[in-house]
């Protein structure tokens, strides 16, 4: 059986290349709405960030999503993103235990 290629993506904060499944995609759709993309397949401009709340706080301080996606991102979005990352980390831990 052939090994499948693992897609790599670059974190906008740390600038590290990591496997796509260990990151979160943030997407801006054509209406200009910025949201978390849990599937990684929504239409629109995307940016990736690692599953680390410290990196999200850095992105909030530097307003990196505003620059990367060319959109106004509210501070409440960053709080929502932190909650999603905590949830995703917990899910990954449960899956690894089984």
PDB file of N, CA and C in Angstrom:
ATOM      1  N   UNK A   1       0.834  -1.183   0.000  1.00  0.00           N
ATOM      2  CA  UNK A   1       0.000   0.000   0.000  1.00  0.00           C
ATOM      3  C   UNK A   1       0.879   1.248   0.000  1.00  0.00           C
ATOM      4  N   UNK A   2       0.501   2.241  -0.802  1.00  0.00           N
ATOM      5  CA  UNK A   2       1.277   3.472  -0.872  1.00  0.00           C
ATOM      6  C   UNK A   2       1.003   4.369   0.317  1.00  0.00           C
ATOM      7  N   UNK A   3       2.043   5.066   0.763  1.00  0.00           N
ATOM      8  CA  UNK A   3       1.862   6.055   1.820  1.00  0.00           C
ATOM      9  C   UNK A   3       1.277   7.312   1.230  1.00  0.00           C
ATOM     10  N   UNK A   4       0.315   7.892   1.909  1.00  0.00           N
ATOM     11  CA  UNK A   4      -0.294   9.132   1.432  1.00  0.00           C
ATOM     12  C   UNK A   4       0.534  10.321   1.864  1.00  0.00           C
ATOM     13  N   UNK A   5       0.585  11.311   1.019  1.00  0.00           N
ATOM     14  CA  UNK A   5       1.304  12.537   1.322  1.00  0.00           C
ATOM     15  C   UNK A   5       0.494  13.333   2.349  1.00  0.00           C
ATOM     16  N   UNK A   6       1.174  13.832   3.365  1.00  0.00           N
ATOM     17  CA  UNK A   6       0.512  14.620   4.404  1.00  0.00           C
ATOM     18  C   UNK A   6       0.584  16.092   4.004  1.00  0.00           C
ATOM     19  N   UNK A   7      -0.581  16.759   3.816  1.00  0.00           N
ATOM     20  CA  UNK A   7      -0.545  18.167   3.432  1.00  0.00           C
ATOM     21  C   UNK A   7      -0.016  19.038   4.573  1.00  0.00           C
ATOM     22  N   UNK A   8       0.890  19.939   4.231  1.00  0.00           N
ATOM     23  CA  UNK A   8       1.500  20.827   5.220  1.00  0.00           C
ATOM     24  C   UNK A   8       0.977  22.251   5.004  1.00  0.00           C
ATOM     25  N   UNK A   9       0.816  22.995   6.099  1.00  0.00           N
ATOM     26  CA  UNK A   9       0.377  24.381   6.035  1.00  0.00           C
ATOM     27  C   UNK A   9       1.243  25.214   6.977  1.00  0.00           C
ATOM     28  N   UNK A  10       1.330  26.520   6.698  1.00  0.00           N
ATOM     29  CA  UNK A  10       2.155  27.417   7.506  1.00  0.00           C
ATOM     30  C   UNK A  10       1.278  28.216   8.467  1.00  0.00           C
ATOM     31  N   UNK A  11       1.661  28.213   9.729  1.00  0.00           N
ATOM     32  CA  UNK A  11       0.977  29.001  10.755  1.00  0.00           C
ATOM     33  C   UNK A  11       1.292  30.481  10.522  1.00  0.00           C
ATOM     34  N   UNK A  12       0.270  31.347  10.591  1.00  0.00           N
ATOM     35  CA  UNK A  12       0.511  32.764  10.314  1.00  0.00           C
ATOM     36  C   UNK A  12       1.234  33.473  11.455  1.00  0.00           C
ATOM     37  N   UNK A  13       1.253  32.870  12.637  1.00  0.00           N
ATOM     38  CA  UNK A  13       1.921  33.510  13.774  1.00  0.00           C
ATOM     39  C   UNK A  13       3.352  33.002  13.923  1.00  0.00           C
ATOM     40  N   UNK A  14       3.511  31.686  14.046  1.00  0.00           N
ATOM     41  CA  UNK A  14       4.835  31.118  14.303  1.00  0.00           C
ATOM     42  C   UNK A  14       5.643  30.901  13.023  1.00  0.00           C
ATOM     43  N   UNK A  15       4.976  30.930  11.861  1.00  0.00           N
ATOM     44  CA  UNK A  15       5.617  30.704  10.558  1.00  0.00           C
ATOM     45  C   UNK A  15       6.201  29.294  10.430  1.00  0.00           C
ATOM     46  N   UNK A  16       5.691  28.337  11.196  1.00  0.00           N
ATOM     47  CA  UNK A  16       6.151  26.949  11.125  1.00  0.00           C
ATOM     48  C   UNK A  16       5.245  26.157  10.191  1.00  0.00           C
ATOM     49  N   UNK A  17       5.843  25.251   9.445  1.00  0.00           N
ATOM     50  CA  UNK A  17       5.088  24.333   8.605  1.00  0.00           C
ATOM     51  C   UNK A  17       4.698  23.122   9.451  1.00  0.00           C
ATOM     52  N   UNK A  18       3.397  22.819   9.476  1.00  0.00           N
ATOM     53  CA  UNK A  18       2.889  21.694  10.262  1.00  0.00           C
ATOM     54  C   UNK A  18       1.846  20.947   9.448  1.00  0.00           C
ATOM     55  N   UNK A  19       1.539  19.702   9.832  1.00  0.00           N
ATOM     56  CA  UNK A  19       0.476  18.972   9.131  1.00  0.00           C
ATOM     57  C   UNK A  19      -0.862  19.708   9.263  1.00  0.00           C
ATOM     58  N   UNK A  20      -1.621  19.693   8.181  1.00  0.00           N
ATOM     59  CA  UNK A  20      -2.884  20.427   8.116  1.00  0.00           C
ATOM     60  C   UNK A  20      -3.861  20.015   9.214  1.00  0.00           C
ATOM     61  N   UNK A  21      -3.866  18.728   9.576  1.00  0.00           N
ATOM     62  CA  UNK A  21      -4.832  18.254  10.565  1.00  0.00           C
ATOM     63  C   UNK A  21      -4.491  18.676  11.993  1.00  0.00           C
ATOM     64  N   UNK A  22      -3.330  19.295  12.216  1.00  0.00           N
ATOM     65  CA  UNK A  22      -2.974  19.778  13.555  1.00  0.00           C
ATOM     66  C   UNK A  22      -3.143  21.291  13.662  1.00  0.00           C
ATOM     67  N   UNK A  23      -3.854  21.872  12.695  1.00  0.00           N
ATOM     68  CA  UNK A  23      -4.041  23.316  12.684  1.00  0.00           C
ATOM     69  C   UNK A  23      -5.512  23.653  12.495  1.00  0.00           C
ATOM     70  N   UNK A  24      -5.844  24.921  12.694  1.00  0.00           N
ATOM     71  CA  UNK A  24      -7.206  25.407  12.521  1.00  0.00           C
ATOM     72  C   UNK A  24      -7.208  26.372  11.343  1.00  0.00           C
ATOM     73  N   UNK A  25      -8.195  26.232  10.458  1.00  0.00           N
ATOM     74  CA  UNK A  25      -8.318  27.138   9.316  1.00  0.00           C
ATOM     75  C   UNK A  25      -9.329  28.232   9.646  1.00  0.00           C
ATOM     76  N   UNK A  26      -8.927  29.455   9.396  1.00  0.00           N
ATOM     77  CA  UNK A  26      -9.803  30.610   9.539  1.00  0.00           C
ATOM     78  C   UNK A  26     -10.098  31.076   8.120  1.00  0.00           C
ATOM     79  N   UNK A  27     -11.363  31.314   7.807  1.00  0.00           N
ATOM     80  CA  UNK A  27     -11.746  31.638   6.435  1.00  0.00           C
ATOM     81  C   UNK A  27     -12.545  32.935   6.372  1.00  0.00           C
ATOM     82  N   UNK A  28     -12.293  33.712   5.308  1.00  0.00           N
ATOM     83  CA  UNK A  28     -13.100  34.898   5.004  1.00  0.00           C
ATOM     84  C   UNK A  28     -13.856  34.586   3.732  1.00  0.00           C
ATOM     85  N   UNK A  29     -15.193  34.570   3.813  1.00  0.00           N
ATOM     86  CA  UNK A  29     -15.982  34.256   2.621  1.00  0.00           C
ATOM     87  C   UNK A  29     -16.140  35.502   1.746  1.00  0.00           C
ATOM     88  N   UNK A  30     -16.827  35.365   0.626  1.00  0.00           N
ATOM     89  CA  UNK A  30     -16.932  36.475  -0.314  1.00  0.00           C
ATOM     90  C   UNK A  30     -17.757  37.637   0.225  1.00  0.00           C
ATOM     91  N   UNK A  31     -18.537  37.406   1.286  1.00  0.00           N
ATOM     92  CA  UNK A  31     -19.290  38.485   1.931  1.00  0.00           C
ATOM     93  C   UNK A  31     -18.457  39.239   2.958  1.00  0.00           C
ATOM     94  N   UNK A  32     -17.225  38.786   3.193  1.00  0.00           N
ATOM     95  CA  UNK A  32     -16.329  39.444   4.135  1.00  0.00           C
ATOM     96  C   UNK A  32     -16.472  38.969   5.567  1.00  0.00           C
ATOM     97  N   UNK A  33     -17.195  37.877   5.778  1.00  0.00           N
ATOM     98  CA  UNK A  33     -17.402  37.346   7.134  1.00  0.00           C
ATOM     99  C   UNK A  33     -16.274  36.372   7.455  1.00  0.00           C
ATOM    100  N   UNK A  34     -15.618  36.600   8.598  1.00  0.00           N
ATOM    101  CA  UNK A  34     -14.509  35.754   9.043  1.00  0.00           C
ATOM    102  C   UNK A  34     -15.045  34.746  10.063  1.00  0.00           C
ATOM    103  N   UNK A  35     -14.695  33.464   9.858  1.00  0.00           N
ATOM    104  CA  UNK A  35     -15.172  32.427  10.771  1.00  0.00           C
ATOM    105  C   UNK A  35     -14.182  31.277  10.840  1.00  0.00           C
ATOM    106  N   UNK A  36     -14.360  30.433  11.858  1.00  0.00           N
ATOM    107  CA  UNK A  36     -13.554  29.222  12.002  1.00  0.00           C
ATOM    108  C   UNK A  36     -14.111  28.194  11.023  1.00  0.00           C
ATOM    109  N   UNK A  37     -13.228  27.498  10.334  1.00  0.00           N
ATOM    110  CA  UNK A  37     -13.624  26.491   9.353  1.00  0.00           C
ATOM    111  C   UNK A  37     -13.232  25.109   9.876  1.00  0.00           C
ATOM    112  N   UNK A  38     -14.136  24.432  10.584  1.00  0.00           N
ATOM    113  CA  UNK A  38     -13.781  23.132  11.164  1.00  0.00           C
ATOM    114  C   UNK A  38     -13.524  22.048  10.115  1.00  0.00           C
ATOM    115  N   UNK A  39     -14.147  22.156   8.933  1.00  0.00           N
ATOM    116  CA  UNK A  39     -13.967  21.142   7.906  1.00  0.00           C
ATOM    117  C   UNK A  39     -12.711  21.394   7.079  1.00  0.00           C
ATOM    118  N   UNK A  40     -12.281  22.646   6.992  1.00  0.00           N
ATOM    119  CA  UNK A  40     -11.125  22.993   6.172  1.00  0.00           C
ATOM    120  C   UNK A  40     -11.452  23.066   4.694  1.00  0.00           C
ATOM    121  N   UNK A  41     -12.746  23.098   4.353  1.00  0.00           N
ATOM    122  CA  UNK A  41     -13.152  23.049   2.951  1.00  0.00           C
ATOM    123  C   UNK A  41     -14.085  24.175   2.529  1.00  0.00           C
ATOM    124  N   UNK A  42     -14.359  25.127   3.401  1.00  0.00           N
ATOM    125  CA  UNK A  42     -15.266  26.213   3.038  1.00  0.00           C
ATOM    126  C   UNK A  42     -14.647  27.088   1.964  1.00  0.00           C
ATOM    127  N   UNK A  43     -15.508  27.696   1.146  1.00  0.00           N
ATOM    128  CA  UNK A  43     -15.041  28.601   0.105  1.00  0.00           C
ATOM    129  C   UNK A  43     -14.559  29.900   0.725  1.00  0.00           C
ATOM    130  N   UNK A  44     -13.508  30.453   0.162  1.00  0.00           N
ATOM    131  CA  UNK A  44     -13.007  31.744   0.610  1.00  0.00           C
ATOM    132  C   UNK A  44     -11.520  31.716   0.895  1.00  0.00           C
ATOM    133  N   UNK A  45     -11.010  32.866   1.293  1.00  0.00           N
ATOM    134  CA  UNK A  45      -9.591  33.030   1.614  1.00  0.00           C
ATOM    135  C   UNK A  45      -9.335  32.435   2.979  1.00  0.00           C
ATOM    136  N   UNK A  46      -8.332  31.571   3.085  1.00  0.00           N
ATOM    137  CA  UNK A  46      -8.066  30.899   4.343  1.00  0.00           C
ATOM    138  C   UNK A  46      -6.699  31.226   4.909  1.00  0.00           C
ATOM    139  N   UNK A  47      -6.596  31.098   6.217  1.00  0.00           N
ATOM    140  CA  UNK A  47      -5.327  31.248   6.927  1.00  0.00           C
ATOM    141  C   UNK A  47      -5.320  30.196   8.033  1.00  0.00           C
ATOM    142  N   UNK A  48      -4.138  29.698   8.343  1.00  0.00           N
ATOM    143  CA  UNK A  48      -4.014  28.630   9.334  1.00  0.00           C
ATOM    144  C   UNK A  48      -3.287  29.130  10.572  1.00  0.00           C
ATOM    145  N   UNK A  49      -3.692  28.580  11.726  1.00  0.00           N
ATOM    146  CA  UNK A  49      -3.020  28.880  12.993  1.00  0.00           C
ATOM    147  C   UNK A  49      -2.908  27.581  13.782  1.00  0.00           C
ATOM    148  N   UNK A  50      -1.808  27.427  14.481  1.00  0.00           N
ATOM    149  CA  UNK A  50      -1.563  26.220  15.274  1.00  0.00           C
ATOM    150  C   UNK A  50      -2.521  26.136  16.448  1.00  0.00           C
ATOM    151  N   UNK A  51      -2.662  24.938  16.982  1.00  0.00           N
ATOM    152  CA  UNK A  51      -3.553  24.710  18.127  1.00  0.00           C
ATOM    153  C   UNK A  51      -2.860  25.134  19.421  1.00  0.00           C
ATOM    154  N   UNK A  52      -2.647  26.432  19.576  1.00  0.00           N
ATOM    155  CA  UNK A  52      -1.964  26.978  20.746  1.00  0.00           C
ATOM    156  C   UNK A  52      -2.615  28.307  21.107  1.00  0.00           C
ATOM    157  N   UNK A  53      -3.167  28.387  22.322  1.00  0.00           N
ATOM    158  CA  UNK A  53      -3.865  29.610  22.722  1.00  0.00           C
ATOM    159  C   UNK A  53      -2.911  30.800  22.841  1.00  0.00           C
ATOM    160  N   UNK A  54      -1.649  30.546  23.157  1.00  0.00           N
ATOM    161  CA  UNK A  54      -0.681  31.644  23.243  1.00  0.00           C
ATOM    162  C   UNK A  54      -0.484  32.296  21.874  1.00  0.00           C
ATOM    163  N   UNK A  55      -0.491  31.488  20.825  1.00  0.00           N
ATOM    164  CA  UNK A  55      -0.353  32.029  19.472  1.00  0.00           C
ATOM    165  C   UNK A  55      -1.581  32.836  19.071  1.00  0.00           C
ATOM    166  N   UNK A  56      -2.756  32.417  19.532  1.00  0.00           N
ATOM    167  CA  UNK A  56      -3.974  33.168  19.240  1.00  0.00           C
ATOM    168  C   UNK A  56      -3.909  34.538  19.925  1.00  0.00           C
ATOM    169  N   UNK A  57      -3.394  34.563  21.143  1.00  0.00           N
ATOM    170  CA  UNK A  57      -3.260  35.844  21.857  1.00  0.00           C
ATOM    171  C   UNK A  57      -2.263  36.753  21.153  1.00  0.00           C
ATOM    172  N   UNK A  58      -1.189  36.177  20.612  1.00  0.00           N
ATOM    173  CA  UNK A  58      -0.234  36.975  19.836  1.00  0.00           C
ATOM    174  C   UNK A  58      -0.897  37.531  18.584  1.00  0.00           C
ATOM    175  N   UNK A  59      -1.678  36.709  17.917  1.00  0.00           N
ATOM    176  CA  UNK A  59      -2.382  37.146  16.704  1.00  0.00           C
ATOM    177  C   UNK A  59      -3.352  38.272  17.038  1.00  0.00           C
ATOM    178  N   UNK A  60      -3.982  38.183  18.212  1.00  0.00           N
ATOM    179  CA  UNK A  60      -4.923  39.230  18.642  1.00  0.00           C
ATOM    180  C   UNK A  60      -4.180  40.540  18.893  1.00  0.00           C
ATOM    181  N   UNK A  61      -3.040  40.460  19.568  1.00  0.00           N
ATOM    182  CA  UNK A  61      -2.264  41.670  19.868  1.00  0.00           C
ATOM    183  C   UNK A  61      -1.762  42.350  18.593  1.00  0.00           C
ATOM    184  N   UNK A  62      -1.308  41.545  17.641  1.00  0.00           N
ATOM    185  CA  UNK A  62      -0.739  42.092  16.397  1.00  0.00           C
ATOM    186  C   UNK A  62      -1.779  42.291  15.297  1.00  0.00           C
ATOM    187  N   UNK A  63      -3.030  41.843  15.569  1.00  0.00           N
ATOM    188  CA  UNK A  63      -4.119  41.925  14.593  1.00  0.00           C
ATOM    189  C   UNK A  63      -3.726  41.250  13.261  1.00  0.00           C
ATOM    190  N   UNK A  64      -3.167  40.054  13.370  1.00  0.00           N
ATOM    191  CA  UNK A  64      -2.672  39.336  12.193  1.00  0.00           C
ATOM    192  C   UNK A  64      -3.772  38.896  11.229  1.00  0.00           C
ATOM    193  N   UNK A  65      -4.938  38.522  11.745  1.00  0.00           N
ATOM    194  CA  UNK A  65      -6.010  38.099  10.848  1.00  0.00           C
ATOM    195  C   UNK A  65      -6.543  39.283  10.044  1.00  0.00           C
ATOM    196  N   UNK A  66      -6.510  40.482  10.623  1.00  0.00           N
ATOM    197  CA  UNK A  66      -6.917  41.675   9.873  1.00  0.00           C
ATOM    198  C   UNK A  66      -6.019  41.853   8.656  1.00  0.00           C
ATOM    199  N   UNK A  67      -4.716  41.693   8.866  1.00  0.00           N
ATOM    200  CA  UNK A  67      -3.751  41.884   7.787  1.00  0.00           C
ATOM    201  C   UNK A  67      -3.820  40.742   6.767  1.00  0.00           C
ATOM    202  N   UNK A  68      -3.845  39.522   7.256  1.00  0.00           N
ATOM    203  CA  UNK A  68      -3.782  38.358   6.378  1.00  0.00           C
ATOM    204  C   UNK A  68      -5.034  38.214   5.517  1.00  0.00           C
ATOM    205  N   UNK A  69      -6.192  38.426   6.116  1.00  0.00           N
ATOM    206  CA  UNK A  69      -7.447  38.208   5.409  1.00  0.00           C
ATOM    207  C   UNK A  69      -8.049  39.497   4.840  1.00  0.00           C
ATOM    208  N   UNK A  70      -7.421  40.621   5.083  1.00  0.00           N
ATOM    209  CA  UNK A  70      -7.936  41.914   4.620  1.00  0.00           C
ATOM    210  C   UNK A  70      -9.371  42.141   5.100  1.00  0.00           C
ATOM    211  N   UNK A  71      -9.603  41.958   6.390  1.00  0.00           N
ATOM    212  CA  UNK A  71     -10.944  42.094   6.949  1.00  0.00           C
ATOM    213  C   UNK A  71     -10.844  42.593   8.384  1.00  0.00           C
ATOM    214  N   UNK A  72     -11.915  43.205   8.857  1.00  0.00           N
ATOM    215  CA  UNK A  72     -11.991  43.623  10.255  1.00  0.00           C
ATOM    216  C   UNK A  72     -12.438  42.426  11.092  1.00  0.00           C
ATOM    217  N   UNK A  73     -11.606  42.038  12.053  1.00  0.00           N
ATOM    218  CA  UNK A  73     -11.909  40.904  12.915  1.00  0.00           C
ATOM    219  C   UNK A  73     -12.122  41.430  14.324  1.00  0.00           C
ATOM    220  N   UNK A  74     -13.301  41.130  14.897  1.00  0.00           N
ATOM    221  CA  UNK A  74     -13.625  41.587  16.253  1.00  0.00           C
ATOM    222  C   UNK A  74     -12.815  40.820  17.290  1.00  0.00           C
ATOM    223  N   UNK A  75     -12.632  41.431  18.468  1.00  0.00           N
ATOM    224  CA  UNK A  75     -11.935  40.753  19.558  1.00  0.00           C
ATOM    225  C   UNK A  75     -12.718  39.524  20.034  1.00  0.00           C
ATOM    226  N   UNK A  76     -14.040  39.557  19.898  1.00  0.00           N
ATOM    227  CA  UNK A  76     -14.855  38.411  20.321  1.00  0.00           C
ATOM    228  C   UNK A  76     -14.537  37.169  19.473  1.00  0.00           C
ATOM    229  N   UNK A  77     -14.121  37.382  18.228  1.00  0.00           N
ATOM    230  CA  UNK A  77     -13.759  36.247  17.372  1.00  0.00           C
ATOM    231  C   UNK A  77     -12.569  35.491  17.959  1.00  0.00           C
ATOM    232  N   UNK A  78     -11.597  36.224  18.493  1.00  0.00           N
ATOM    233  CA  UNK A  78     -10.416  35.573  19.067  1.00  0.00           C
ATOM    234  C   UNK A  78     -10.806  34.729  20.285  1.00  0.00           C
ATOM    235  N   UNK A  79     -11.771  35.224  21.079  1.00  0.00           N
ATOM    236  CA  UNK A  79     -12.249  34.440  22.223  1.00  0.00           C
ATOM    237  C   UNK A  79     -12.934  33.158  21.745  1.00  0.00           C
ATOM    238  N   UNK A  80     -13.719  33.274  20.678  1.00  0.00           N
ATOM    239  CA  UNK A  80     -14.380  32.108  20.089  1.00  0.00           C
ATOM    240  C   UNK A  80     -13.342  31.111  19.565  1.00  0.00           C
ATOM    241  N   UNK A  81     -12.286  31.636  18.976  1.00  0.00           N
ATOM    242  CA  UNK A  81     -11.218  30.783  18.451  1.00  0.00           C
ATOM    243  C   UNK A  81     -10.495  30.038  19.578  1.00  0.00           C
ATOM    244  N   UNK A  82     -10.242  30.711  20.690  1.00  0.00           N
ATOM    245  CA  UNK A  82      -9.602  30.068  21.845  1.00  0.00           C
ATOM    246  C   UNK A  82     -10.481  28.932  22.368  1.00  0.00           C
ATOM    247  N   UNK A  83     -11.799  29.175  22.452  1.00  0.00           N
ATOM    248  CA  UNK A  83     -12.718  28.123  22.900  1.00  0.00           C
ATOM    249  C   UNK A  83     -12.683  26.928  21.947  1.00  0.00           C
ATOM    250  N   UNK A  84     -12.657  27.199  20.648  1.00  0.00           N
ATOM    251  CA  UNK A  84     -12.625  26.122  19.665  1.00  0.00           C
ATOM    252  C   UNK A  84     -11.330  25.312  19.776  1.00  0.00           C
ATOM    253  N   UNK A  85     -10.220  25.996  19.991  1.00  0.00           N
ATOM    254  CA  UNK A  85      -8.929  25.302  20.118  1.00  0.00           C
ATOM    255  C   UNK A  85      -8.924  24.415  21.361  1.00  0.00           C
ATOM    256  N   UNK A  86      -9.455  24.923  22.476  1.00  0.00           N
ATOM    257  CA  UNK A  86      -9.547  24.103  23.692  1.00  0.00           C
ATOM    258  C   UNK A  86     -10.394  22.854  23.434  1.00  0.00           C
ATOM    259  N   UNK A  87     -11.510  23.028  22.725  1.00  0.00           N
ATOM    260  CA  UNK A  87     -12.388  21.912  22.391  1.00  0.00           C
ATOM    261  C   UNK A  87     -11.650  20.898  21.504  1.00  0.00           C
ATOM    262  N   UNK A  88     -10.970  21.390  20.478  1.00  0.00           N
ATOM    263  CA  UNK A  88     -10.270  20.518  19.530  1.00  0.00           C
ATOM    264  C   UNK A  88      -9.145  19.749  20.224  1.00  0.00           C
ATOM    265  N   UNK A  89      -8.413  20.407  21.132  1.00  0.00           N
ATOM    266  CA  UNK A  89      -7.357  19.722  21.881  1.00  0.00           C
ATOM    267  C   UNK A  89      -7.933  18.602  22.734  1.00  0.00           C
ATOM    268  N   UNK A  90      -9.064  18.870  23.397  1.00  0.00           N
ATOM    269  CA  UNK A  90      -9.706  17.860  24.232  1.00  0.00           C
ATOM    270  C   UNK A  90     -10.143  16.669  23.384  1.00  0.00           C
ATOM    271  N   UNK A  91     -10.691  16.933  22.195  1.00  0.00           N
ATOM    272  CA  UNK A  91     -11.100  15.854  21.294  1.00  0.00           C
ATOM    273  C   UNK A  91      -9.909  15.000  20.861  1.00  0.00           C
ATOM    274  N   UNK A  92      -8.794  15.666  20.560  1.00  0.00           N
ATOM    275  CA  UNK A  92      -7.601  14.940  20.129  1.00  0.00           C
ATOM    276  C   UNK A  92      -7.055  14.053  21.247  1.00  0.00           C
ATOM    277  N   UNK A  93      -7.116  14.548  22.481  1.00  0.00           N
ATOM    278  CA  UNK A  93      -6.652  13.750  23.623  1.00  0.00           C
ATOM    279  C   UNK A  93      -7.533  12.511  23.815  1.00  0.00           C
ATOM    280  N   UNK A  94      -8.836  12.688  23.677  1.00  0.00           N
ATOM    281  CA  UNK A  94      -9.761  11.552  23.835  1.00  0.00           C
ATOM    282  C   UNK A  94      -9.496  10.526  22.745  1.00  0.00           C
ATOM    283  N   UNK A  95      -9.305  10.985  21.508  1.00  0.00           N
ATOM    284  CA  UNK A  95      -9.057  10.061  20.399  1.00  0.00           C
ATOM    285  C   UNK A  95      -7.741   9.312  20.567  1.00  0.00           C
ATOM    286  N   UNK A  96      -6.735   9.985  21.152  1.00  0.00           N
ATOM    287  CA  UNK A  96      -5.437   9.345  21.340  1.00  0.00           C
ATOM    288  C   UNK A  96      -5.474   8.298  22.449  1.00  0.00           C
ATOM    289  N   UNK A  97      -6.377   8.455  23.412  1.00  0.00           N
ATOM    290  CA  UNK A  97      -6.486   7.495  24.507  1.00  0.00           C
ATOM    291  C   UNK A  97      -7.089   6.175  24.035  1.00  0.00           C
ATOM    292  N   UNK A  98      -7.900   6.209  23.023  1.00  0.00           N
ATOM    293  CA  UNK A  98      -8.591   4.995  22.587  1.00  0.00           C
ATOM    294  C   UNK A  98      -7.727   4.103  21.791  1.00  0.00           C
TER     295      UNK A  98
END
